[in-house]
Amino acid sequence: MFKIILLAALMFTSNLVIASQTANPFPSLSCSNKVHIRVVDLVYCVDSTTLSKINFLGLSNQTAVVTSQDQNELAIALNPPEISLGDMHKKLNMSVNEFFHALYHSDPKVKNIAKLRSAFDIDENNPMSVYQNGDIFAFVVMGENQDYDRVYINKKGSDVIYQISGEFNQPQLNRILSSLILDV
């Protein structure tokens, strides 16, 4: 009897932990009187007084590198899943969105989830967070122990992935997310 009660309590607690891992809302949009930089269906708004340069890399590669006056660089790119994910979502019979959620929740049903999280630099020093605006999700991997921080933007039901890479902290992440107009 004790084992049954203990098992039920553990199941209830684990469900609460998973349920508590909900997405944060995107910060309020802040794009008025700013320069709009479009990468396909994603617009990044930047204050022209802090802008140092914009580089558009290649005609077939949809990437813009935005450099601010303090020399911080953000790369904004439309990356196919085979580049961003190595097509791992297909190998696991998942959508792109389901794959990112499995990483976020450390889904124990996914074979080798710990190795997958490690491949994306997700650990206690580099946690993953999720932001949501309707069907659009931003999956963020940010921390001190990696070469660059990343935001993966994906619309539920789509294989399109926008990746924003650079070095940023939480206040800078909030500014980045509030500077995105999402037409994906």
Protein backbone atom coordinates (compact mmCIF):
# COMPACT_ATOMS: atom_id res chain seq x y z
CA MET A 1 0.00 0.00 0.00
CA PHE A 2 2.82 2.37 0.92
CA LYS A 3 4.51 1.69 -2.44
CA ILE A 4 1.31 2.54 -4.31
CA ILE A 5 0.92 5.83 -2.43
CA LEU A 6 4.58 6.66 -2.99
CA LEU A 7 4.32 5.85 -6.70
CA ALA A 8 1.18 7.98 -7.05
CA ALA A 9 2.87 10.88 -5.25
CA LEU A 10 5.94 10.64 -7.50
CA MET A 11 3.80 10.57 -10.64
CA PHE A 12 1.78 13.57 -9.44
CA THR A 13 4.94 15.51 -8.55
CA SER A 14 6.64 14.75 -11.88
CA ASN A 15 3.52 15.88 -13.74
CA LEU A 16 3.56 19.13 -11.75
CA VAL A 17 7.21 19.72 -12.66
CA ILE A 18 6.51 19.18 -16.37
CA ALA A 19 3.35 21.30 -16.20
CA SER A 20 5.27 24.10 -14.47
CA GLN A 21 7.69 24.27 -17.41
CA THR A 22 5.42 26.49 -19.47
CA ALA A 23 6.43 29.02 -22.07
CA ASN A 24 6.98 32.64 -21.16
CA PRO A 25 5.13 35.26 -23.20
CA PHE A 26 7.15 37.30 -25.68
CA PRO A 27 7.98 40.77 -24.31
CA SER A 28 5.89 43.64 -25.70
CA LEU A 29 6.84 44.71 -29.21
CA SER A 30 9.11 47.77 -29.35
CA CYS A 31 9.63 48.66 -33.02
CA SER A 32 8.35 52.19 -33.50
CA ASN A 33 10.86 54.66 -35.00
CA LYS A 34 13.39 51.89 -35.63
CA VAL A 35 15.08 50.50 -38.71
CA HIS A 36 13.45 47.25 -39.87
CA ILE A 37 15.77 44.50 -41.10
CA ARG A 38 13.92 41.69 -42.87
CA VAL A 39 15.22 38.15 -43.21
CA VAL A 40 12.51 36.45 -45.27
CA ASP A 41 9.46 36.49 -42.93
CA LEU A 42 11.22 37.72 -39.79
CA VAL A 43 11.77 41.41 -39.11
CA TYR A 44 14.33 42.61 -36.56
CA CYS A 45 13.92 46.21 -35.42
CA VAL A 46 17.00 48.15 -34.36
CA ASP A 47 17.58 51.69 -33.17
CA SER A 48 19.53 53.45 -35.93
CA THR A 49 21.56 55.42 -33.36
CA THR A 50 23.09 52.19 -32.00
CA LEU A 51 23.59 50.52 -35.38
CA SER A 52 27.14 50.20 -36.66
CA LYS A 53 26.66 48.00 -39.74
CA ILE A 54 24.50 45.37 -41.40
CA ASN A 55 25.93 42.60 -43.56
CA PHE A 56 23.76 40.40 -45.74
CA LEU A 57 25.68 37.19 -46.30
CA GLY A 58 25.26 35.58 -49.70
CA LEU A 59 22.34 35.80 -52.05
CA SER A 60 21.11 32.24 -51.51
CA ASN A 61 21.78 32.18 -47.77
CA GLN A 62 19.21 34.25 -45.90
CA THR A 63 21.46 35.66 -43.17
CA ALA A 64 21.98 39.16 -41.82
CA VAL A 65 24.66 40.10 -39.30
CA VAL A 66 23.77 43.20 -37.31
CA THR A 67 26.60 44.97 -35.48
CA SER A 68 25.90 47.59 -32.85
CA GLN A 69 28.23 50.46 -31.93
CA ASP A 70 29.49 48.49 -28.92
CA GLN A 71 30.61 45.77 -31.42
CA ASN A 72 28.00 43.21 -30.30
CA GLU A 73 27.00 41.08 -33.28
CA LEU A 74 23.78 39.22 -33.86
CA ALA A 75 23.46 36.78 -36.74
CA ILE A 76 19.87 36.36 -37.89
CA ALA A 77 19.35 33.48 -40.29
CA LEU A 78 16.74 31.30 -41.89
CA ASN A 79 18.24 27.85 -41.39
CA PRO A 80 16.71 24.66 -42.72
CA PRO A 81 16.28 21.88 -40.14
CA GLU A 82 19.13 19.90 -41.65
CA ILE A 83 21.48 22.73 -40.61
CA SER A 84 19.94 23.76 -37.28
CA LEU A 85 19.00 20.28 -36.11
CA GLY A 86 20.95 17.89 -38.29
CA ASP A 87 17.47 16.59 -39.20
CA MET A 88 17.33 14.84 -35.80
CA HIS A 89 13.60 15.57 -35.60
CA LYS A 90 13.03 13.34 -38.66
CA LYS A 91 15.11 10.52 -37.19
CA LEU A 92 12.86 10.68 -34.12
CA ASN A 93 9.62 10.99 -36.17
CA MET A 94 8.88 14.40 -34.67
CA SER A 95 8.02 17.81 -35.99
CA VAL A 96 10.58 20.58 -35.48
CA ASN A 97 8.41 22.06 -32.73
CA GLU A 98 7.98 18.70 -30.98
CA PHE A 99 11.75 18.17 -31.11
CA PHE A 100 12.47 21.51 -29.42
CA HIS A 101 9.82 20.79 -26.77
CA ALA A 102 11.40 17.37 -26.13
CA LEU A 103 14.75 19.11 -25.57
CA TYR A 104 13.13 21.67 -23.27
CA HIS A 105 11.26 19.12 -21.18
CA SER A 106 14.15 16.61 -21.27
CA ASP A 107 11.55 14.10 -22.42
CA PRO A 108 12.54 10.70 -21.00
CA LYS A 109 10.61 8.95 -23.82
CA VAL A 110 13.14 10.26 -26.35
CA LYS A 111 16.07 7.90 -26.79
CA ASN A 112 19.39 9.52 -25.85
CA ILE A 113 17.73 12.77 -24.73
CA ALA A 114 20.71 13.58 -22.47
CA LYS A 115 23.09 13.30 -25.43
CA LEU A 116 20.80 15.42 -27.60
CA ARG A 117 20.61 18.11 -24.91
CA SER A 118 24.39 18.00 -24.60
CA ALA A 119 24.77 18.42 -28.38
CA PHE A 120 22.75 21.64 -28.07
CA ASP A 121 24.83 22.76 -25.03
CA ILE A 122 21.79 22.49 -22.76
CA ASP A 123 22.68 21.84 -19.13
CA GLU A 124 22.39 23.47 -15.70
CA ASN A 125 24.88 26.19 -16.74
CA ASN A 126 23.21 26.74 -20.11
CA PRO A 127 19.50 26.23 -19.53
CA MET A 128 16.87 26.24 -22.23
CA SER A 129 13.91 28.58 -21.94
CA VAL A 130 10.83 28.94 -24.11
CA TYR A 131 8.83 32.00 -25.14
CA GLN A 132 5.50 31.85 -26.94
CA ASN A 133 3.38 34.23 -29.00
CA GLY A 134 0.38 32.30 -30.33
CA ASP A 135 1.72 29.48 -32.54
CA ILE A 136 5.23 30.96 -32.61
CA PHE A 137 7.86 29.72 -30.17
CA ALA A 138 11.33 30.99 -29.32
CA PHE A 139 13.55 28.26 -27.87
CA VAL A 140 16.51 29.91 -26.15
CA VAL A 141 19.83 28.37 -25.10
CA MET A 142 21.80 30.92 -23.15
CA GLY A 143 24.64 30.68 -20.66
CA GLU A 144 28.22 31.40 -19.76
CA ASN A 145 29.78 28.11 -20.87
CA GLN A 146 29.21 28.23 -24.62
CA ASP A 147 30.64 30.06 -27.60
CA TYR A 148 27.41 31.86 -28.45
CA ASP A 149 23.84 32.12 -27.25
CA ARG A 150 21.04 31.01 -29.55
CA VAL A 151 17.37 31.67 -30.16
CA TYR A 152 15.54 29.20 -32.40
CA ILE A 153 12.22 30.57 -33.67
CA ASN A 154 9.68 28.12 -35.02
CA LYS A 155 5.98 28.18 -35.78
CA LYS A 156 4.07 25.12 -34.62
CA GLY A 157 3.40 22.89 -37.64
CA SER A 158 6.25 24.39 -39.69
CA ASP A 159 9.77 23.17 -40.46
CA VAL A 160 11.01 26.75 -40.83
CA ILE A 161 13.63 27.70 -38.24
CA TYR A 162 15.01 31.19 -37.73
CA GLN A 163 18.16 31.20 -35.67
CA ILE A 164 19.50 34.26 -33.87
CA SER A 165 23.03 33.80 -32.57
CA GLY A 166 25.33 36.06 -30.59
CA GLU A 167 26.40 36.84 -27.06
CA PHE A 168 23.59 38.18 -24.90
CA ASN A 169 22.26 38.14 -21.35
CA GLN A 170 18.65 38.11 -20.11
CA PRO A 171 18.00 41.88 -20.49
CA GLN A 172 19.52 41.78 -23.98
CA LEU A 173 17.42 38.69 -24.82
CA ASN A 174 14.28 40.57 -23.75
CA ARG A 175 15.29 43.47 -26.02
CA ILE A 176 15.92 41.06 -28.92
CA LEU A 177 12.57 39.30 -28.48
CA SER A 178 10.74 42.64 -28.20
CA SER A 179 12.38 43.71 -31.47
CA LEU A 180 10.98 40.87 -33.58
CA ILE A 181 8.03 41.11 -35.93
CA LEU A 182 7.03 37.57 -36.73
CA ASP A 183 5.28 36.89 -40.03
CA VAL A 184 6.34 33.23 -40.06
